[in-house]
């Protein structure tokens, strides 16, 4: 297994160079940015073994202020990402919070991004700072790391979130 750099990410067509600002590339991945932020409603989600009962909690889209910033109080949010990702059959991705986000008292959380996934996604944004955090629209909040598998996956991802649908 190997972590991909900018040259490999572009060569494999994982992201479209025209849609990514060069500042987003890191030595070992890609910074992902905020498109929209959503607040969870008071409805619980439901998760089961075979997804027959799966029910995602409702979310409410938050509106940024006149400076295009979100003033977030402590809690858990869903951050919709701007980047369109297309993972080949031999590449998976993980997301880690940017250190600046952590130093502001917040973090991110996400599941693994499976080989064959394509679309833009959403990740949890967790605000722990008692004073909250201000997040600008298009802020780089997390780093996506692309990992080459030793062999192709036996099947590509074909789940409910394929193509970026059902992400919110």
C-alpha atoms as a PDB file:
ATOM      1  CA  UNK A   1       0.000   0.000   0.000  1.00  0.00           C
ATOM      2  CA  UNK A   2       1.181   3.511  -0.784  1.00  0.00           C
ATOM      3  CA  UNK A   3      -0.080   7.041  -0.156  1.00  0.00           C
ATOM      4  CA  UNK A   4      -0.537   9.064  -3.355  1.00  0.00           C
ATOM      5  CA  UNK A   5       0.990  12.478  -4.028  1.00  0.00           C
ATOM      6  CA  UNK A   6      -0.347  15.317  -6.207  1.00  0.00           C
ATOM      7  CA  UNK A   7       1.164  13.954  -9.424  1.00  0.00           C
ATOM      8  CA  UNK A   8      -0.365  10.498  -8.878  1.00  0.00           C
ATOM      9  CA  UNK A   9      -3.756  11.916  -7.797  1.00  0.00           C
ATOM     10  CA  UNK A  10      -3.982  13.954 -11.011  1.00  0.00           C
ATOM     11  CA  UNK A  11      -2.603  11.192 -13.256  1.00  0.00           C
ATOM     12  CA  UNK A  12      -5.238   8.737 -11.988  1.00  0.00           C
ATOM     13  CA  UNK A  13      -8.030  11.279 -12.549  1.00  0.00           C
ATOM     14  CA  UNK A  14      -9.165  11.146  -8.915  1.00  0.00           C
ATOM     15  CA  UNK A  15      -9.887  14.884  -9.032  1.00  0.00           C
ATOM     16  CA  UNK A  16     -10.263  17.311 -11.918  1.00  0.00           C
ATOM     17  CA  UNK A  17      -7.320  19.733 -11.902  1.00  0.00           C
ATOM     18  CA  UNK A  18      -9.572  22.500 -13.228  1.00  0.00           C
ATOM     19  CA  UNK A  19     -11.850  22.247 -10.166  1.00  0.00           C
ATOM     20  CA  UNK A  20      -9.112  22.135  -7.519  1.00  0.00           C
ATOM     21  CA  UNK A  21      -7.059  25.118  -6.376  1.00  0.00           C
ATOM     22  CA  UNK A  22      -3.357  24.310  -6.195  1.00  0.00           C
ATOM     23  CA  UNK A  23      -3.253  25.371  -2.520  1.00  0.00           C
ATOM     24  CA  UNK A  24      -5.445  22.349  -1.719  1.00  0.00           C
ATOM     25  CA  UNK A  25      -2.709  19.849  -2.590  1.00  0.00           C
ATOM     26  CA  UNK A  26      -0.589  18.788   0.355  1.00  0.00           C
ATOM     27  CA  UNK A  27       2.590  16.698   0.260  1.00  0.00           C
ATOM     28  CA  UNK A  28       0.478  13.583   0.828  1.00  0.00           C
ATOM     29  CA  UNK A  29      -3.100  14.351  -0.144  1.00  0.00           C
ATOM     30  CA  UNK A  30      -5.753  16.941  -0.798  1.00  0.00           C
ATOM     31  CA  UNK A  31      -7.410  19.471   1.493  1.00  0.00           C
ATOM     32  CA  UNK A  32     -11.193  19.287   1.154  1.00  0.00           C
ATOM     33  CA  UNK A  33     -13.395  22.336   1.567  1.00  0.00           C
ATOM     34  CA  UNK A  34     -16.809  23.363   2.875  1.00  0.00           C
ATOM     35  CA  UNK A  35     -19.673  23.775   0.414  1.00  0.00           C
ATOM     36  CA  UNK A  36     -22.498  23.910   2.975  1.00  0.00           C
ATOM     37  CA  UNK A  37     -23.007  23.113   6.640  1.00  0.00           C
ATOM     38  CA  UNK A  38     -26.063  21.361   8.049  1.00  0.00           C
ATOM     39  CA  UNK A  39     -27.396  21.001  11.574  1.00  0.00           C
ATOM     40  CA  UNK A  40     -28.935  17.724  12.713  1.00  0.00           C
ATOM     41  CA  UNK A  41     -32.608  17.801  13.703  1.00  0.00           C
ATOM     42  CA  UNK A  42     -33.873  16.193  16.878  1.00  0.00           C
ATOM     43  CA  UNK A  43     -34.842  13.037  14.977  1.00  0.00           C
ATOM     44  CA  UNK A  44     -32.609  10.020  15.624  1.00  0.00           C
ATOM     45  CA  UNK A  45     -30.981   8.066  12.822  1.00  0.00           C
ATOM     46  CA  UNK A  46     -31.331   4.296  12.474  1.00  0.00           C
ATOM     47  CA  UNK A  47     -28.589   1.923  11.341  1.00  0.00           C
ATOM     48  CA  UNK A  48     -28.932  -1.861  10.957  1.00  0.00           C
ATOM     49  CA  UNK A  49     -27.059  -4.842   9.514  1.00  0.00           C
ATOM     50  CA  UNK A  50     -28.340  -4.918   5.916  1.00  0.00           C
ATOM     51  CA  UNK A  51     -29.546  -1.307   5.502  1.00  0.00           C
ATOM     52  CA  UNK A  52     -33.192  -2.363   5.088  1.00  0.00           C
ATOM     53  CA  UNK A  53     -34.158  -0.185   8.049  1.00  0.00           C
ATOM     54  CA  UNK A  54     -31.560   2.560   7.527  1.00  0.00           C
ATOM     55  CA  UNK A  55     -32.999   5.981   8.209  1.00  0.00           C
ATOM     56  CA  UNK A  56     -30.792   9.057   8.220  1.00  0.00           C
ATOM     57  CA  UNK A  57     -31.731  11.880  10.586  1.00  0.00           C
ATOM     58  CA  UNK A  58     -33.102  15.026   9.029  1.00  0.00           C
ATOM     59  CA  UNK A  59     -30.728  17.940   8.616  1.00  0.00           C
ATOM     60  CA  UNK A  60     -31.318  21.657   8.261  1.00  0.00           C
ATOM     61  CA  UNK A  61     -29.091  23.693   5.960  1.00  0.00           C
ATOM     62  CA  UNK A  62     -27.488  26.604   7.777  1.00  0.00           C
ATOM     63  CA  UNK A  63     -27.087  29.968   6.092  1.00  0.00           C
ATOM     64  CA  UNK A  64     -23.725  31.722   6.301  1.00  0.00           C
ATOM     65  CA  UNK A  65     -23.690  35.361   7.408  1.00  0.00           C
ATOM     66  CA  UNK A  66     -22.955  38.334   5.154  1.00  0.00           C
ATOM     67  CA  UNK A  67     -19.210  37.528   5.339  1.00  0.00           C
ATOM     68  CA  UNK A  68     -19.931  33.995   4.041  1.00  0.00           C
ATOM     69  CA  UNK A  69     -19.047  32.557   7.467  1.00  0.00           C
ATOM     70  CA  UNK A  70     -20.816  30.054   9.702  1.00  0.00           C
ATOM     71  CA  UNK A  71     -20.797  30.901  13.423  1.00  0.00           C
ATOM     72  CA  UNK A  72     -21.113  27.435  14.977  1.00  0.00           C
ATOM     73  CA  UNK A  73     -21.863  26.687  18.608  1.00  0.00           C
ATOM     74  CA  UNK A  74     -20.618  23.470  20.243  1.00  0.00           C
ATOM     75  CA  UNK A  75     -22.210  20.374  18.717  1.00  0.00           C
ATOM     76  CA  UNK A  76     -22.142  18.023  15.752  1.00  0.00           C
ATOM     77  CA  UNK A  77     -22.759  19.236  12.203  1.00  0.00           C
ATOM     78  CA  UNK A  78     -22.643  17.764   8.726  1.00  0.00           C
ATOM     79  CA  UNK A  79     -20.234  19.502   6.347  1.00  0.00           C
ATOM     80  CA  UNK A  80     -21.003  19.011   2.659  1.00  0.00           C
ATOM     81  CA  UNK A  81     -17.777  18.997   0.644  1.00  0.00           C
ATOM     82  CA  UNK A  82     -17.180  20.870  -2.620  1.00  0.00           C
ATOM     83  CA  UNK A  83     -14.774  18.401  -4.228  1.00  0.00           C
ATOM     84  CA  UNK A  84     -15.878  15.718  -6.678  1.00  0.00           C
ATOM     85  CA  UNK A  85     -13.834  12.573  -6.098  1.00  0.00           C
ATOM     86  CA  UNK A  86     -13.552   9.571  -8.433  1.00  0.00           C
ATOM     87  CA  UNK A  87     -11.769   6.616  -6.834  1.00  0.00           C
ATOM     88  CA  UNK A  88     -10.425   3.863  -9.116  1.00  0.00           C
ATOM     89  CA  UNK A  89     -10.876   0.173  -8.200  1.00  0.00           C
ATOM     90  CA  UNK A  90      -7.506   0.096  -6.438  1.00  0.00           C
ATOM     91  CA  UNK A  91      -7.680   3.335  -4.428  1.00  0.00           C
ATOM     92  CA  UNK A  92      -9.376   4.051  -1.096  1.00  0.00           C
ATOM     93  CA  UNK A  93      -9.425   7.327   0.827  1.00  0.00           C
ATOM     94  CA  UNK A  94      -9.488   8.435   4.432  1.00  0.00           C
ATOM     95  CA  UNK A  95     -10.142  11.896   5.811  1.00  0.00           C
ATOM     96  CA  UNK A  96      -8.334  13.530   8.724  1.00  0.00           C
ATOM     97  CA  UNK A  97      -9.013  16.934  10.294  1.00  0.00           C
ATOM     98  CA  UNK A  98      -6.596  19.751   9.495  1.00  0.00           C
ATOM     99  CA  UNK A  99      -4.433  20.648  12.469  1.00  0.00           C
ATOM    100  CA  UNK A 100      -5.650  24.265  12.409  1.00  0.00           C
ATOM    101  CA  UNK A 101      -9.224  23.037  12.828  1.00  0.00           C
ATOM    102  CA  UNK A 102      -8.151  20.976  15.844  1.00  0.00           C
ATOM    103  CA  UNK A 103      -6.332  23.963  17.334  1.00  0.00           C
ATOM    104  CA  UNK A 104      -9.582  25.916  17.056  1.00  0.00           C
ATOM    105  CA  UNK A 105     -11.325  23.275  19.155  1.00  0.00           C
ATOM    106  CA  UNK A 106     -13.067  21.317  16.416  1.00  0.00           C
ATOM    107  CA  UNK A 107     -12.502  18.114  14.476  1.00  0.00           C
ATOM    108  CA  UNK A 108     -13.939  16.047  11.644  1.00  0.00           C
ATOM    109  CA  UNK A 109     -15.019  12.450  11.347  1.00  0.00           C
ATOM    110  CA  UNK A 110     -15.741  10.241   8.357  1.00  0.00           C
ATOM    111  CA  UNK A 111     -15.908   6.626   7.345  1.00  0.00           C
ATOM    112  CA  UNK A 112     -13.525   5.133   4.805  1.00  0.00           C
ATOM    113  CA  UNK A 113     -14.152   6.085   1.184  1.00  0.00           C
ATOM    114  CA  UNK A 114     -14.328   2.790  -0.724  1.00  0.00           C
ATOM    115  CA  UNK A 115     -12.632   1.897  -3.993  1.00  0.00           C
ATOM    116  CA  UNK A 116     -14.912   2.770  -6.909  1.00  0.00           C
ATOM    117  CA  UNK A 117     -16.746   5.599  -5.096  1.00  0.00           C
ATOM    118  CA  UNK A 118     -17.436   8.727  -7.101  1.00  0.00           C
ATOM    119  CA  UNK A 119     -19.164  11.961  -6.142  1.00  0.00           C
ATOM    120  CA  UNK A 120     -18.839  14.650  -3.538  1.00  0.00           C
ATOM    121  CA  UNK A 121     -19.507  13.702   0.028  1.00  0.00           C
ATOM    122  CA  UNK A 122     -20.175  14.946   3.512  1.00  0.00           C
ATOM    123  CA  UNK A 123     -18.332  14.518   6.793  1.00  0.00           C
ATOM    124  CA  UNK A 124     -19.095  15.247  10.407  1.00  0.00           C
ATOM    125  CA  UNK A 125     -17.816  18.533  11.789  1.00  0.00           C
ATOM    126  CA  UNK A 126     -17.639  18.351  15.581  1.00  0.00           C
ATOM    127  CA  UNK A 127     -17.263  21.605  17.514  1.00  0.00           C
ATOM    128  CA  UNK A 128     -15.851  21.023  21.013  1.00  0.00           C
ATOM    129  CA  UNK A 129     -14.697  24.553  21.785  1.00  0.00           C
ATOM    130  CA  UNK A 130     -17.116  25.985  24.408  1.00  0.00           C
ATOM    131  CA  UNK A 131     -16.899  29.344  22.598  1.00  0.00           C
ATOM    132  CA  UNK A 132     -17.738  27.723  19.243  1.00  0.00           C
ATOM    133  CA  UNK A 133     -15.923  28.250  15.949  1.00  0.00           C
ATOM    134  CA  UNK A 134     -16.313  30.420  12.865  1.00  0.00           C
ATOM    135  CA  UNK A 135     -15.934  28.493   9.608  1.00  0.00           C
ATOM    136  CA  UNK A 136     -15.734  30.381   6.328  1.00  0.00           C
ATOM    137  CA  UNK A 137     -17.465  28.973   3.263  1.00  0.00           C
ATOM    138  CA  UNK A 138     -14.848  27.149   1.158  1.00  0.00           C
ATOM    139  CA  UNK A 139     -12.617  26.725   4.258  1.00  0.00           C
ATOM    140  CA  UNK A 140     -10.147  23.849   4.063  1.00  0.00           C
ATOM    141  CA  UNK A 141     -11.286  21.752   7.026  1.00  0.00           C
ATOM    142  CA  UNK A 142      -9.867  18.282   6.400  1.00  0.00           C
ATOM    143  CA  UNK A 143      -7.236  16.420   4.422  1.00  0.00           C
ATOM    144  CA  UNK A 144      -8.122  13.467   2.208  1.00  0.00           C
ATOM    145  CA  UNK A 145      -5.417  10.834   1.914  1.00  0.00           C
ATOM    146  CA  UNK A 146      -5.544   8.440  -1.058  1.00  0.00           C
ATOM    147  CA  UNK A 147      -4.167   4.951  -0.523  1.00  0.00           C
ATOM    148  CA  UNK A 148      -3.291   2.494  -3.270  1.00  0.00           C
ATOM    149  CA  UNK A 149      -4.356  -1.074  -2.460  1.00  0.00           C
ATOM    150  CA  UNK A 150      -2.071  -4.019  -3.195  1.00  0.00           C
ATOM    151  CA  UNK A 151      -4.689  -5.272  -5.695  1.00  0.00           C
ATOM    152  CA  UNK A 152      -7.999  -4.088  -7.121  1.00  0.00           C
ATOM    153  CA  UNK A 153     -11.081  -4.412  -4.950  1.00  0.00           C
ATOM    154  CA  UNK A 154     -13.159  -7.517  -5.734  1.00  0.00           C
ATOM    155  CA  UNK A 155     -16.048  -5.149  -6.445  1.00  0.00           C
ATOM    156  CA  UNK A 156     -16.448  -1.390  -6.611  1.00  0.00           C
ATOM    157  CA  UNK A 157     -18.494   0.622  -4.160  1.00  0.00           C
ATOM    158  CA  UNK A 158     -22.125   0.718  -5.267  1.00  0.00           C
ATOM    159  CA  UNK A 159     -23.898   1.930  -2.138  1.00  0.00           C
ATOM    160  CA  UNK A 160     -26.540   4.507  -1.332  1.00  0.00           C
ATOM    161  CA  UNK A 161     -24.106   7.424  -1.477  1.00  0.00           C
ATOM    162  CA  UNK A 162     -22.623   6.645  -4.916  1.00  0.00           C
ATOM    163  CA  UNK A 163     -22.503   9.743  -7.083  1.00  0.00           C
ATOM    164  CA  UNK A 164     -22.859  12.002  -4.042  1.00  0.00           C
ATOM    165  CA  UNK A 165     -26.575  11.269  -3.679  1.00  0.00           C
ATOM    166  CA  UNK A 166     -28.243  10.872  -0.287  1.00  0.00           C
ATOM    167  CA  UNK A 167     -25.271  12.564   1.342  1.00  0.00           C
ATOM    168  CA  UNK A 168     -27.307  15.092   3.279  1.00  0.00           C
END
